[in-house]
C-alpha cells in the first residue's frame, strides 16, 4: 500500500474512534456534584461523581417561630457579601448575619473544618419582632369611632395568659383571641392573626349597642 494512502486510512480510523467515545460533564440540580458520563459506541455509562474539592455547599434551613416553618425570603450575610442558598464557602471561620423583615437579626458562628467536604446545613430560629397595634373600633350604626373600655388578647391554644392591651401597644405576632368590651355595647370576640412585619397592624371591628 502506498505510504500516503496508509496514513489517511489510519487518520480516518482515529477520527471514527473519537466520535464513538467521548466524555460528557453534566451539571445536576445538586450543585456540589458533576455527573461524568462516558459514551462508548452510543451506550451511556455512569462514571461516578466528581467532587469540587475545598468548598462547602451552604444549605439554608433557617426556621421561623411565626408562622412556624422554614423561613422564606431571608438574607444571609458574610460581612458585606450575600451567602445564597447553594453558594460555596472555602474552609474557615465565619460570623454570618441572617436577616428577614419583621424578625430579629440572627447571628451564627460557623466553622468549616479543613477536612470538610459536601453540604453544610445552616440552621437556626428567627423570632418575630413585637408588632405595633392600631385600634379602629366603630359603632355599627353611626360609624363613629369608639374608645373601648378594655381590649384583651390571648394566644389561640393557650400559649400565653390573657393580657390587656391598649392602642399603640406592641404585641408578639401570632394567632390571637381578642375580646373588646365597652359599656353600652355587646362584648365583641374575634380570632385574629397578627403576621410578622415591621409595619403597624390595624385591628378593626364594628361594635353593636346593647
N, C-alpha and C. Protein backbone atom coordinates (compact mmCIF):
# COMPACT_ATOMS: atom_id res chain seq x y z
N UNK A 1 0.86 -1.20 0.00
CA UNK A 1 0.00 0.00 0.00
C UNK A 1 0.88 1.23 0.00
N UNK A 2 0.45 2.21 -0.76
CA UNK A 2 1.17 3.48 -0.80
C UNK A 2 1.22 4.08 0.60
N UNK A 3 2.40 4.51 1.08
CA UNK A 3 2.51 5.09 2.44
C UNK A 3 1.55 6.25 2.65
N UNK A 4 1.34 7.06 1.65
CA UNK A 4 0.42 8.19 1.81
C UNK A 4 -1.00 7.73 2.03
N UNK A 5 -1.42 6.69 1.31
CA UNK A 5 -2.77 6.16 1.49
C UNK A 5 -2.93 5.55 2.87
N UNK A 6 -1.89 4.83 3.33
CA UNK A 6 -1.95 4.21 4.66
C UNK A 6 -2.14 5.26 5.75
N UNK A 7 -1.48 6.40 5.61
CA UNK A 7 -1.59 7.49 6.60
C UNK A 7 -3.02 8.00 6.69
N UNK A 8 -3.65 8.20 5.51
CA UNK A 8 -5.02 8.72 5.51
C UNK A 8 -6.01 7.71 6.08
N UNK A 9 -5.79 6.42 5.80
CA UNK A 9 -6.66 5.38 6.37
C UNK A 9 -6.54 5.35 7.88
N UNK A 10 -5.30 5.46 8.39
CA UNK A 10 -5.06 5.45 9.84
C UNK A 10 -5.74 6.64 10.51
N UNK A 11 -5.63 7.82 9.92
CA UNK A 11 -6.26 9.01 10.49
C UNK A 11 -7.77 8.87 10.49
N UNK A 12 -8.33 8.24 9.47
CA UNK A 12 -9.77 8.04 9.43
C UNK A 12 -10.25 7.15 10.55
N UNK A 13 -9.46 6.10 10.86
CA UNK A 13 -9.83 5.20 11.96
C UNK A 13 -9.81 5.94 13.30
N UNK A 14 -8.81 6.78 13.49
CA UNK A 14 -8.70 7.55 14.74
C UNK A 14 -9.90 8.46 14.92
N UNK A 15 -10.32 9.13 13.85
CA UNK A 15 -11.46 10.04 13.93
C UNK A 15 -12.75 9.30 14.23
N UNK A 16 -12.92 8.11 13.66
CA UNK A 16 -14.12 7.30 13.93
C UNK A 16 -14.16 6.89 15.39
N UNK A 17 -13.00 6.45 15.93
CA UNK A 17 -12.96 6.05 17.34
C UNK A 17 -13.26 7.23 18.26
N UNK A 18 -12.76 8.42 17.94
CA UNK A 18 -13.01 9.60 18.76
C UNK A 18 -14.49 9.96 18.74
N UNK A 19 -15.13 9.76 17.60
CA UNK A 19 -16.55 10.09 17.51
C UNK A 19 -17.41 9.13 18.31
N UNK A 20 -16.94 7.89 18.45
CA UNK A 20 -17.71 6.87 19.16
C UNK A 20 -17.50 6.92 20.66
N UNK A 21 -16.41 7.53 21.10
CA UNK A 21 -16.10 7.56 22.53
C UNK A 21 -15.83 8.99 22.95
N UNK A 22 -16.68 9.54 23.84
CA UNK A 22 -16.46 10.90 24.32
C UNK A 22 -16.94 11.00 25.75
N UNK A 23 -16.40 11.98 26.47
CA UNK A 23 -16.76 12.21 27.86
C UNK A 23 -17.63 13.45 27.96
N UNK A 24 -18.74 13.35 28.68
CA UNK A 24 -19.68 14.45 28.82
C UNK A 24 -19.82 14.78 30.30
N UNK A 25 -19.65 16.06 30.67
CA UNK A 25 -19.85 16.52 32.04
C UNK A 25 -21.23 17.16 32.12
N UNK A 26 -22.05 16.61 32.98
CA UNK A 26 -23.45 17.06 33.07
C UNK A 26 -23.68 17.75 34.41
N UNK A 27 -24.11 19.03 34.39
CA UNK A 27 -24.50 19.71 35.62
C UNK A 27 -25.80 19.13 36.12
N UNK A 28 -25.90 18.93 37.42
CA UNK A 28 -27.10 18.38 38.03
C UNK A 28 -27.78 19.44 38.86
N UNK A 29 -28.94 19.08 39.42
CA UNK A 29 -29.64 20.00 40.31
C UNK A 29 -28.95 20.14 41.65
N UNK A 30 -28.03 19.24 41.95
CA UNK A 30 -27.25 19.32 43.17
C UNK A 30 -25.91 19.95 42.83
N UNK A 31 -25.70 21.22 43.25
CA UNK A 31 -24.55 21.96 42.75
C UNK A 31 -23.21 21.46 43.26
N UNK A 32 -23.20 20.54 44.24
CA UNK A 32 -21.93 20.02 44.70
C UNK A 32 -21.53 18.77 43.92
N UNK A 33 -22.24 18.47 42.86
CA UNK A 33 -21.95 17.26 42.09
C UNK A 33 -21.84 17.58 40.60
N UNK A 34 -20.97 16.87 39.96
CA UNK A 34 -20.96 16.83 38.49
C UNK A 34 -20.99 15.36 38.11
N UNK A 35 -21.99 14.95 37.37
CA UNK A 35 -22.08 13.57 36.92
C UNK A 35 -21.26 13.43 35.64
N UNK A 36 -20.35 12.47 35.64
CA UNK A 36 -19.49 12.26 34.48
C UNK A 36 -19.97 11.03 33.74
N UNK A 37 -20.31 11.21 32.49
CA UNK A 37 -20.76 10.10 31.66
C UNK A 37 -19.73 9.84 30.56
N UNK A 38 -19.58 8.60 30.19
CA UNK A 38 -18.73 8.26 29.05
C UNK A 38 -19.58 7.50 28.03
N UNK A 39 -19.63 8.03 26.81
CA UNK A 39 -20.39 7.39 25.74
C UNK A 39 -19.46 6.48 24.95
N UNK A 40 -19.74 5.20 24.93
CA UNK A 40 -18.94 4.25 24.17
C UNK A 40 -19.87 3.51 23.23
N UNK A 41 -19.62 3.68 21.94
CA UNK A 41 -20.48 3.10 20.89
C UNK A 41 -21.95 3.36 21.20
N UNK A 42 -22.25 4.66 21.50
CA UNK A 42 -23.61 5.14 21.75
C UNK A 42 -24.25 4.57 23.01
N UNK A 43 -23.49 3.92 23.89
CA UNK A 43 -24.03 3.40 25.14
C UNK A 43 -23.52 4.28 26.28
N UNK A 44 -24.44 4.87 27.07
CA UNK A 44 -24.06 5.81 28.13
C UNK A 44 -23.79 5.03 29.41
N UNK A 45 -22.62 5.28 30.01
CA UNK A 45 -22.22 4.60 31.23
C UNK A 45 -21.93 5.64 32.30
N UNK A 46 -22.55 5.51 33.47
CA UNK A 46 -22.30 6.43 34.56
C UNK A 46 -20.92 6.17 35.12
N UNK A 47 -20.07 7.19 35.10
CA UNK A 47 -18.69 7.03 35.56
C UNK A 47 -18.51 7.56 36.97
N UNK A 48 -19.62 7.91 37.68
CA UNK A 48 -19.49 8.32 39.07
C UNK A 48 -19.64 9.81 39.26
N UNK A 49 -19.21 10.29 40.41
CA UNK A 49 -19.39 11.68 40.81
C UNK A 49 -18.03 12.33 40.98
N UNK A 50 -17.87 13.49 40.36
CA UNK A 50 -16.63 14.25 40.52
C UNK A 50 -16.89 15.38 41.50
N UNK A 51 -16.17 15.45 42.60
CA UNK A 51 -16.37 16.47 43.62
C UNK A 51 -15.50 17.70 43.35
N UNK A 52 -16.03 18.85 43.72
CA UNK A 52 -15.23 20.06 43.71
C UNK A 52 -14.59 20.20 45.08
N UNK A 53 -13.30 19.98 45.18
CA UNK A 53 -12.63 19.94 46.48
C UNK A 53 -12.46 21.34 47.05
N UNK A 54 -12.39 21.39 48.39
CA UNK A 54 -12.03 22.62 49.08
C UNK A 54 -13.15 23.59 49.32
N UNK A 55 -14.39 23.24 49.00
CA UNK A 55 -15.51 24.14 49.18
C UNK A 55 -16.66 23.42 49.88
N UNK A 56 -17.36 24.16 50.75
CA UNK A 56 -18.56 23.62 51.40
C UNK A 56 -19.78 24.27 50.75
N UNK A 57 -20.77 23.47 50.42
CA UNK A 57 -22.01 23.97 49.82
C UNK A 57 -22.97 24.34 50.95
N UNK A 58 -23.36 25.61 51.02
CA UNK A 58 -24.19 26.11 52.11
C UNK A 58 -25.67 25.90 51.77
N UNK A 59 -26.37 25.21 52.67
CA UNK A 59 -27.80 24.96 52.52
C UNK A 59 -28.55 25.72 53.62
N UNK A 60 -29.53 26.53 53.23
CA UNK A 60 -30.32 27.30 54.20
C UNK A 60 -31.45 26.43 54.75
N UNK A 61 -31.46 26.23 56.06
CA UNK A 61 -32.56 25.53 56.72
C UNK A 61 -32.99 26.32 57.95
N UNK A 62 -33.06 27.64 57.81
CA UNK A 62 -33.47 28.53 58.90
C UNK A 62 -34.98 28.43 59.08
N UNK A 63 -35.43 28.42 60.34
CA UNK A 63 -36.85 28.33 60.66
C UNK A 63 -37.37 29.66 61.23
N UNK A 64 -38.70 29.85 61.16
CA UNK A 64 -39.38 30.99 61.77
C UNK A 64 -40.27 30.50 62.91
N UNK A 65 -40.43 31.35 63.94
CA UNK A 65 -41.35 30.96 65.02
C UNK A 65 -42.81 31.24 64.64
N UNK A 66 -43.05 32.28 63.82
CA UNK A 66 -44.41 32.55 63.33
C UNK A 66 -44.33 33.24 61.98
N UNK A 67 -44.99 32.66 60.95
CA UNK A 67 -45.61 31.34 61.02
C UNK A 67 -44.54 30.26 61.14
N UNK A 68 -44.84 29.21 61.88
CA UNK A 68 -43.86 28.16 62.12
C UNK A 68 -43.51 27.46 60.81
N UNK A 69 -42.23 27.25 60.60
CA UNK A 69 -41.79 26.56 59.39
C UNK A 69 -40.53 27.18 58.84
N UNK A 70 -40.14 26.70 57.68
CA UNK A 70 -38.91 27.17 57.05
C UNK A 70 -39.04 28.63 56.65
N UNK A 71 -38.00 29.39 56.93
CA UNK A 71 -38.00 30.82 56.63
C UNK A 71 -37.82 31.05 55.13
N UNK A 72 -38.71 31.84 54.56
CA UNK A 72 -38.64 32.21 53.15
C UNK A 72 -38.27 33.69 53.06
N UNK A 73 -37.43 34.02 52.10
CA UNK A 73 -37.09 35.43 51.89
C UNK A 73 -36.04 35.96 52.85
N UNK A 74 -35.17 35.07 53.34
CA UNK A 74 -34.10 35.52 54.24
C UNK A 74 -32.90 36.00 53.43
N UNK A 75 -32.06 36.79 54.08
CA UNK A 75 -30.79 37.20 53.50
C UNK A 75 -29.69 36.83 54.49
N UNK A 76 -28.70 36.08 54.01
CA UNK A 76 -27.57 35.67 54.84
C UNK A 76 -26.35 36.46 54.39
N UNK A 77 -25.73 37.13 55.35
CA UNK A 77 -24.58 37.99 55.05
C UNK A 77 -23.31 37.42 55.66
N UNK A 78 -22.22 37.46 54.89
CA UNK A 78 -20.88 37.23 55.40
C UNK A 78 -20.13 38.55 55.20
N UNK A 79 -20.04 39.34 56.28
CA UNK A 79 -19.58 40.73 56.17
C UNK A 79 -20.51 41.47 55.22
N UNK A 80 -20.01 41.93 54.09
CA UNK A 80 -20.86 42.66 53.14
C UNK A 80 -21.23 41.84 51.92
N UNK A 81 -21.00 40.53 51.99
CA UNK A 81 -21.31 39.66 50.87
C UNK A 81 -22.49 38.75 51.23
N UNK A 82 -23.38 38.56 50.27
CA UNK A 82 -24.55 37.71 50.48
C UNK A 82 -24.17 36.25 50.24
N UNK A 83 -24.56 35.40 51.18
CA UNK A 83 -24.34 33.95 51.06
C UNK A 83 -25.67 33.32 50.67
N UNK A 84 -25.84 33.00 49.41
CA UNK A 84 -27.10 32.46 48.93
C UNK A 84 -27.19 30.96 49.22
N UNK A 85 -28.42 30.45 49.13
CA UNK A 85 -28.63 29.00 49.21
C UNK A 85 -27.87 28.34 48.07
N UNK A 86 -27.10 27.31 48.39
CA UNK A 86 -26.28 26.56 47.43
C UNK A 86 -24.99 27.28 47.05
N UNK A 87 -24.68 28.39 47.70
CA UNK A 87 -23.39 29.03 47.43
C UNK A 87 -22.29 28.23 48.12
N UNK A 88 -21.03 28.52 47.75
CA UNK A 88 -19.90 27.76 48.27
C UNK A 88 -18.99 28.65 49.09
N UNK A 89 -18.52 28.10 50.20
CA UNK A 89 -17.56 28.81 51.04
C UNK A 89 -16.33 27.93 51.23
N UNK A 90 -15.14 28.53 51.18
CA UNK A 90 -13.93 27.77 51.49
C UNK A 90 -13.84 27.49 52.98
N UNK A 91 -12.93 26.61 53.35
CA UNK A 91 -12.74 26.28 54.75
C UNK A 91 -12.34 27.53 55.53
N UNK A 92 -12.84 27.62 56.77
CA UNK A 92 -12.51 28.77 57.60
C UNK A 92 -13.61 29.07 58.60
N UNK A 93 -13.49 30.19 59.29
CA UNK A 93 -14.45 30.60 60.31
C UNK A 93 -15.21 31.83 59.83
N UNK A 94 -16.53 31.83 60.07
CA UNK A 94 -17.39 32.90 59.58
C UNK A 94 -18.37 33.32 60.67
N UNK A 95 -18.68 34.60 60.69
CA UNK A 95 -19.77 35.11 61.53
C UNK A 95 -20.86 35.59 60.58
N UNK A 96 -21.88 34.76 60.42
CA UNK A 96 -22.94 35.05 59.46
C UNK A 96 -24.08 35.81 60.13
N UNK A 97 -24.65 36.73 59.39
CA UNK A 97 -25.78 37.54 59.86
C UNK A 97 -27.00 37.19 59.00
N UNK A 98 -28.08 36.77 59.67
CA UNK A 98 -29.27 36.30 58.96
C UNK A 98 -30.41 37.28 59.22
N UNK A 99 -30.97 37.82 58.15
CA UNK A 99 -31.98 38.86 58.27
C UNK A 99 -33.25 38.49 57.51
N UNK A 100 -34.38 38.91 58.09
CA UNK A 100 -35.68 38.78 57.43
C UNK A 100 -36.57 39.89 57.98
N UNK A 101 -37.27 40.57 57.09
CA UNK A 101 -38.11 41.70 57.51
C UNK A 101 -39.15 41.25 58.53
N UNK A 102 -39.22 41.98 59.65
CA UNK A 102 -40.18 41.67 60.70
C UNK A 102 -39.65 40.73 61.76
N UNK A 103 -38.39 40.31 61.64
CA UNK A 103 -37.80 39.36 62.58
C UNK A 103 -36.50 39.91 63.16
N UNK A 104 -36.17 39.47 64.37
CA UNK A 104 -34.89 39.85 64.96
C UNK A 104 -33.75 39.25 64.15
N UNK A 105 -32.66 40.01 64.02
CA UNK A 105 -31.49 39.51 63.30
C UNK A 105 -30.86 38.35 64.07
N UNK A 106 -30.47 37.33 63.34
CA UNK A 106 -29.86 36.14 63.93
C UNK A 106 -28.39 36.08 63.51
N UNK A 107 -27.51 35.86 64.47
CA UNK A 107 -26.08 35.74 64.19
C UNK A 107 -25.64 34.29 64.42
N UNK A 108 -24.86 33.77 63.49
CA UNK A 108 -24.39 32.39 63.59
C UNK A 108 -22.88 32.34 63.35
N UNK A 109 -22.15 31.76 64.32
CA UNK A 109 -20.73 31.50 64.13
C UNK A 109 -20.58 30.13 63.47
N UNK A 110 -19.94 30.12 62.32
CA UNK A 110 -19.80 28.90 61.53
C UNK A 110 -18.32 28.62 61.33
N UNK A 111 -17.91 27.39 61.63
CA UNK A 111 -16.53 26.97 61.39
C UNK A 111 -16.55 25.75 60.48
N UNK A 112 -15.96 25.90 59.31
CA UNK A 112 -15.88 24.81 58.35
C UNK A 112 -14.47 24.24 58.40
N UNK A 113 -14.34 23.03 58.89
CA UNK A 113 -13.03 22.42 59.09
C UNK A 113 -12.34 22.14 57.76
N UNK A 114 -11.03 22.05 57.84
CA UNK A 114 -10.22 21.91 56.63
C UNK A 114 -10.48 20.59 55.90
N UNK A 115 -10.93 19.56 56.64
CA UNK A 115 -11.17 18.26 56.00
C UNK A 115 -12.63 18.07 55.62
N UNK A 116 -13.45 19.14 55.74
CA UNK A 116 -14.88 19.02 55.44
C UNK A 116 -15.12 19.18 53.94
N UNK A 117 -15.94 18.30 53.40
CA UNK A 117 -16.39 18.41 52.02
C UNK A 117 -17.86 18.05 51.95
N UNK A 118 -18.61 18.76 51.13
CA UNK A 118 -20.01 18.43 50.96
C UNK A 118 -20.92 19.56 51.37
N UNK A 119 -22.09 19.22 51.92
CA UNK A 119 -23.12 20.20 52.25
C UNK A 119 -23.01 20.63 53.71
N UNK A 120 -23.06 21.93 53.94
CA UNK A 120 -23.11 22.48 55.29
C UNK A 120 -24.50 23.08 55.48
N UNK A 121 -25.28 22.50 56.41
CA UNK A 121 -26.66 22.94 56.63
C UNK A 121 -26.67 24.04 57.68
N UNK A 122 -27.15 25.21 57.28
CA UNK A 122 -27.23 26.37 58.16
C UNK A 122 -28.59 26.38 58.85
N UNK A 123 -28.60 26.18 60.17
CA UNK A 123 -29.85 26.09 60.92
C UNK A 123 -29.96 27.25 61.91
N UNK A 124 -31.15 27.43 62.45
CA UNK A 124 -31.39 28.47 63.44
C UNK A 124 -32.85 28.87 63.44
N UNK A 125 -33.25 29.66 64.43
CA UNK A 125 -34.65 30.09 64.57
C UNK A 125 -34.73 31.61 64.55
N UNK A 126 -35.50 32.14 63.60
CA UNK A 126 -35.78 33.57 63.55
C UNK A 126 -37.02 33.86 64.38
N UNK A 127 -36.92 34.85 65.26
CA UNK A 127 -38.04 35.20 66.14
C UNK A 127 -38.67 36.51 65.67
N UNK A 128 -40.00 36.48 65.54
CA UNK A 128 -40.73 37.65 65.06
C UNK A 128 -40.64 38.78 66.08
N UNK A 129 -40.46 40.00 65.58
CA UNK A 129 -40.43 41.17 66.44
C UNK A 129 -41.85 41.52 66.90
N UNK A 130 -41.95 42.12 68.10
CA UNK A 130 -43.24 42.62 68.55
C UNK A 130 -43.76 43.66 67.55
N UNK A 131 -45.08 43.64 67.34
CA UNK A 131 -45.66 44.49 66.30
C UNK A 131 -46.59 45.54 66.92
N UNK A 132 -46.50 46.75 66.40
CA UNK A 132 -47.32 47.86 66.88
C UNK A 132 -48.76 47.69 66.41
N UNK A 133 -49.72 47.87 67.36
CA UNK A 133 -51.14 47.74 67.04
C UNK A 133 -51.82 49.10 67.01
N UNK A 134 -52.71 49.27 66.04
CA UNK A 134 -53.57 50.45 65.97
C UNK A 134 -55.02 50.00 66.10
N UNK A 135 -55.79 50.66 66.98
CA UNK A 135 -57.20 50.33 67.15
C UNK A 135 -58.06 51.13 66.17
N UNK A 136 -59.10 50.47 65.67
CA UNK A 136 -60.08 51.14 64.81
C UNK A 136 -61.44 50.51 65.06
N UNK A 137 -62.06 50.85 66.21
CA UNK A 137 -63.35 50.30 66.59
C UNK A 137 -64.44 51.34 66.32
N UNK A 138 -65.52 50.90 65.66
CA UNK A 138 -66.58 51.80 65.22
C UNK A 138 -67.95 51.31 65.70
N UNK A 139 -68.86 52.27 65.91
CA UNK A 139 -70.26 51.95 66.18
C UNK A 139 -70.89 51.44 64.88
N UNK A 140 -71.56 50.29 64.95
CA UNK A 140 -72.10 49.67 63.75
C UNK A 140 -73.18 50.52 63.09
N UNK A 141 -73.89 51.35 63.88
CA UNK A 141 -74.99 52.16 63.34
C UNK A 141 -74.53 53.53 62.86
N UNK A 142 -73.70 54.19 63.64
CA UNK A 142 -73.31 55.57 63.32
C UNK A 142 -71.95 55.66 62.63
N UNK A 143 -71.20 54.57 62.67
CA UNK A 143 -69.85 54.55 62.10
C UNK A 143 -68.90 55.50 62.83
N UNK A 144 -69.29 55.89 64.04
CA UNK A 144 -68.44 56.76 64.85
C UNK A 144 -67.36 55.92 65.54
N UNK A 145 -66.20 56.54 65.68
CA UNK A 145 -65.09 55.86 66.34
C UNK A 145 -65.37 55.70 67.83
N UNK A 146 -65.03 54.53 68.37
CA UNK A 146 -65.29 54.21 69.78
C UNK A 146 -63.97 53.89 70.47
N UNK A 147 -63.83 54.42 71.67
CA UNK A 147 -62.69 54.04 72.51
C UNK A 147 -63.16 52.97 73.49
N UNK A 148 -62.69 51.74 73.36
CA UNK A 148 -63.18 50.66 74.22
C UNK A 148 -62.72 50.84 75.67
N UNK A 149 -63.49 50.23 76.58
CA UNK A 149 -63.09 50.24 77.99
C UNK A 149 -61.95 49.26 78.23
N UNK A 150 -61.98 48.15 77.49
CA UNK A 150 -60.94 47.13 77.70
C UNK A 150 -60.81 46.28 76.44
N UNK A 151 -59.57 46.02 76.06
CA UNK A 151 -59.27 45.08 74.97
C UNK A 151 -58.26 44.08 75.51
N UNK A 152 -58.58 42.82 75.40
CA UNK A 152 -57.66 41.78 75.88
C UNK A 152 -57.44 40.75 74.77
N UNK A 153 -56.25 40.15 74.79
CA UNK A 153 -55.92 39.11 73.81
C UNK A 153 -55.23 37.95 74.52
N UNK A 154 -55.30 36.80 73.89
CA UNK A 154 -54.60 35.60 74.37
C UNK A 154 -54.27 34.75 73.16
N UNK A 155 -53.19 34.01 73.23
CA UNK A 155 -52.80 33.13 72.13
C UNK A 155 -53.84 32.04 71.93
N UNK A 156 -54.14 31.74 70.67
CA UNK A 156 -55.00 30.60 70.36
C UNK A 156 -54.30 29.33 70.81
N UNK A 157 -54.99 28.48 71.53
CA UNK A 157 -54.38 27.27 72.04
C UNK A 157 -53.80 27.43 73.43
N UNK A 158 -53.92 28.63 74.00
CA UNK A 158 -53.49 28.83 75.38
C UNK A 158 -52.01 28.96 75.59
N UNK A 159 -51.29 29.45 74.57
CA UNK A 159 -49.84 29.60 74.71
C UNK A 159 -49.44 30.63 75.75
N UNK A 160 -50.25 31.69 75.89
CA UNK A 160 -49.98 32.72 76.89
C UNK A 160 -51.26 33.06 77.63
N UNK A 161 -51.13 33.67 78.80
CA UNK A 161 -52.30 34.11 79.54
C UNK A 161 -52.89 35.34 78.86
N UNK A 162 -54.16 35.57 79.13
CA UNK A 162 -54.83 36.74 78.57
C UNK A 162 -54.17 38.02 79.08
N UNK A 163 -53.95 38.96 78.18
CA UNK A 163 -53.34 40.23 78.56
C UNK A 163 -54.16 41.39 78.03
N UNK A 164 -54.20 42.46 78.80
CA UNK A 164 -54.91 43.66 78.39
C UNK A 164 -53.98 44.54 77.57
N UNK A 165 -54.49 45.03 76.44
CA UNK A 165 -53.67 45.87 75.57
C UNK A 165 -54.39 47.19 75.32
N UNK A 166 -53.64 48.16 74.86
CA UNK A 166 -54.21 49.47 74.54
C UNK A 166 -53.78 49.86 73.14
N UNK A 167 -54.38 50.93 72.63
CA UNK A 167 -53.98 51.44 71.33
C UNK A 167 -52.49 51.80 71.37
N UNK A 168 -51.77 51.46 70.31
CA UNK A 168 -50.33 51.69 70.20
C UNK A 168 -49.51 50.73 71.09
N UNK A 169 -50.11 49.59 71.43
CA UNK A 169 -49.37 48.56 72.16
C UNK A 169 -48.50 47.77 71.18
N UNK A 170 -47.46 47.14 71.72
CA UNK A 170 -46.65 46.21 70.95
C UNK A 170 -46.99 44.79 71.39
N UNK A 171 -47.26 43.92 70.40
CA UNK A 171 -47.71 42.56 70.69
C UNK A 171 -46.91 41.58 69.84
N UNK A 172 -46.62 40.43 70.43
CA UNK A 172 -45.94 39.36 69.70
C UNK A 172 -46.85 38.82 68.60
N UNK A 173 -46.37 38.71 67.36
CA UNK A 173 -47.22 38.15 66.29
C UNK A 173 -47.69 36.73 66.60
N UNK A 174 -48.80 36.36 65.98
CA UNK A 174 -49.37 35.04 66.18
C UNK A 174 -50.88 35.07 66.09
N UNK A 175 -51.50 33.92 66.23
CA UNK A 175 -52.96 33.82 66.24
C UNK A 175 -53.47 34.12 67.64
N UNK A 176 -54.43 35.04 67.71
CA UNK A 176 -54.92 35.52 69.00
C UNK A 176 -56.45 35.47 69.05
N UNK A 177 -56.95 35.35 70.28
CA UNK A 177 -58.36 35.59 70.56
C UNK A 177 -58.46 36.97 71.19
N UNK A 178 -59.23 37.86 70.55
CA UNK A 178 -59.37 39.23 71.03
C UNK A 178 -60.78 39.43 71.60
N UNK A 179 -60.84 40.09 72.75
CA UNK A 179 -62.12 40.42 73.38
C UNK A 179 -62.16 41.92 73.61
N UNK A 180 -63.22 42.57 73.06
CA UNK A 180 -63.38 44.02 73.18
C UNK A 180 -64.61 44.31 74.04
N UNK A 181 -64.42 45.14 75.08
CA UNK A 181 -65.52 45.48 75.98
C UNK A 181 -65.71 46.99 76.02
N UNK A 182 -67.00 47.40 76.01
CA UNK A 182 -67.36 48.81 76.08
C UNK A 182 -68.74 48.93 76.70
N UNK A 183 -68.87 49.80 77.71
CA UNK A 183 -70.17 50.00 78.37
C UNK A 183 -71.20 50.44 77.34
N UNK A 184 -72.39 49.79 77.37
CA UNK A 184 -73.46 50.11 76.43
C UNK A 184 -73.38 49.32 75.14
N UNK A 185 -72.35 48.47 75.00
CA UNK A 185 -72.17 47.67 73.79
C UNK A 185 -72.00 46.19 74.14
N UNK A 186 -72.37 45.36 73.18
CA UNK A 186 -72.17 43.93 73.36
C UNK A 186 -70.68 43.60 73.30
N UNK A 187 -70.28 42.64 74.11
CA UNK A 187 -68.88 42.20 74.08
C UNK A 187 -68.56 41.60 72.72
N UNK A 188 -67.45 42.02 72.17
CA UNK A 188 -67.04 41.58 70.83
C UNK A 188 -65.85 40.63 70.96
N UNK A 189 -65.98 39.44 70.37
CA UNK A 189 -64.90 38.44 70.42
C UNK A 189 -64.55 38.02 68.99
N UNK A 190 -63.26 37.98 68.71
CA UNK A 190 -62.82 37.62 67.35
C UNK A 190 -61.45 36.98 67.41
N UNK A 191 -61.23 36.00 66.52
CA UNK A 191 -59.89 35.43 66.36
C UNK A 191 -59.16 36.22 65.27
N UNK A 192 -57.95 36.65 65.57
CA UNK A 192 -57.16 37.42 64.60
C UNK A 192 -55.79 36.77 64.44
N UNK A 193 -55.20 37.01 63.30
CA UNK A 193 -53.83 36.53 63.05
C UNK A 193 -52.95 37.74 62.79
N UNK A 194 -51.98 37.95 63.65
CA UNK A 194 -51.06 39.08 63.51
C UNK A 194 -49.77 38.55 62.88
N UNK A 195 -49.53 38.82 61.60
CA UNK A 195 -48.31 38.31 60.96
C UNK A 195 -47.10 39.15 61.34
N UNK A 196 -45.93 38.59 61.11
CA UNK A 196 -44.69 39.33 61.35
C UNK A 196 -44.50 40.37 60.27
N UNK A 197 -44.19 41.59 60.68
CA UNK A 197 -43.96 42.68 59.73
C UNK A 197 -43.43 43.88 60.50
N UNK A 198 -42.63 44.73 59.84
CA UNK A 198 -42.17 45.95 60.50
C UNK A 198 -43.24 47.04 60.53
N UNK A 199 -44.34 46.85 59.79
CA UNK A 199 -45.39 47.86 59.70
C UNK A 199 -46.41 47.69 60.83
N UNK A 200 -47.08 48.79 61.25
CA UNK A 200 -48.14 48.68 62.26
C UNK A 200 -49.28 47.79 61.77
N UNK A 201 -49.98 47.17 62.72
CA UNK A 201 -51.10 46.29 62.39
C UNK A 201 -52.38 46.91 62.94
N UNK A 202 -53.38 47.08 62.06
CA UNK A 202 -54.63 47.71 62.46
C UNK A 202 -55.67 46.66 62.83
N UNK A 203 -56.29 46.83 64.01
CA UNK A 203 -57.37 45.96 64.45
C UNK A 203 -58.68 46.73 64.31
N UNK A 204 -59.56 46.22 63.47
CA UNK A 204 -60.84 46.90 63.21
C UNK A 204 -62.00 46.01 63.64
N UNK A 205 -63.08 46.66 64.12
CA UNK A 205 -64.28 45.92 64.49
C UNK A 205 -65.46 46.88 64.56
N UNK A 206 -66.64 46.36 64.26
CA UNK A 206 -67.89 47.11 64.40
C UNK A 206 -68.59 46.61 65.66
N UNK A 207 -68.88 47.53 66.59
CA UNK A 207 -69.49 47.16 67.86
C UNK A 207 -70.99 47.46 67.83
N UNK A 208 -71.76 46.50 68.36
CA UNK A 208 -73.22 46.62 68.39
C UNK A 208 -73.69 47.12 69.75
N UNK A 209 -74.54 48.15 69.77
CA UNK A 209 -75.11 48.60 71.05
C UNK A 209 -75.97 47.51 71.68
N UNK A 210 -76.11 47.57 73.01
CA UNK A 210 -76.98 46.61 73.71
C UNK A 210 -78.44 46.83 73.30
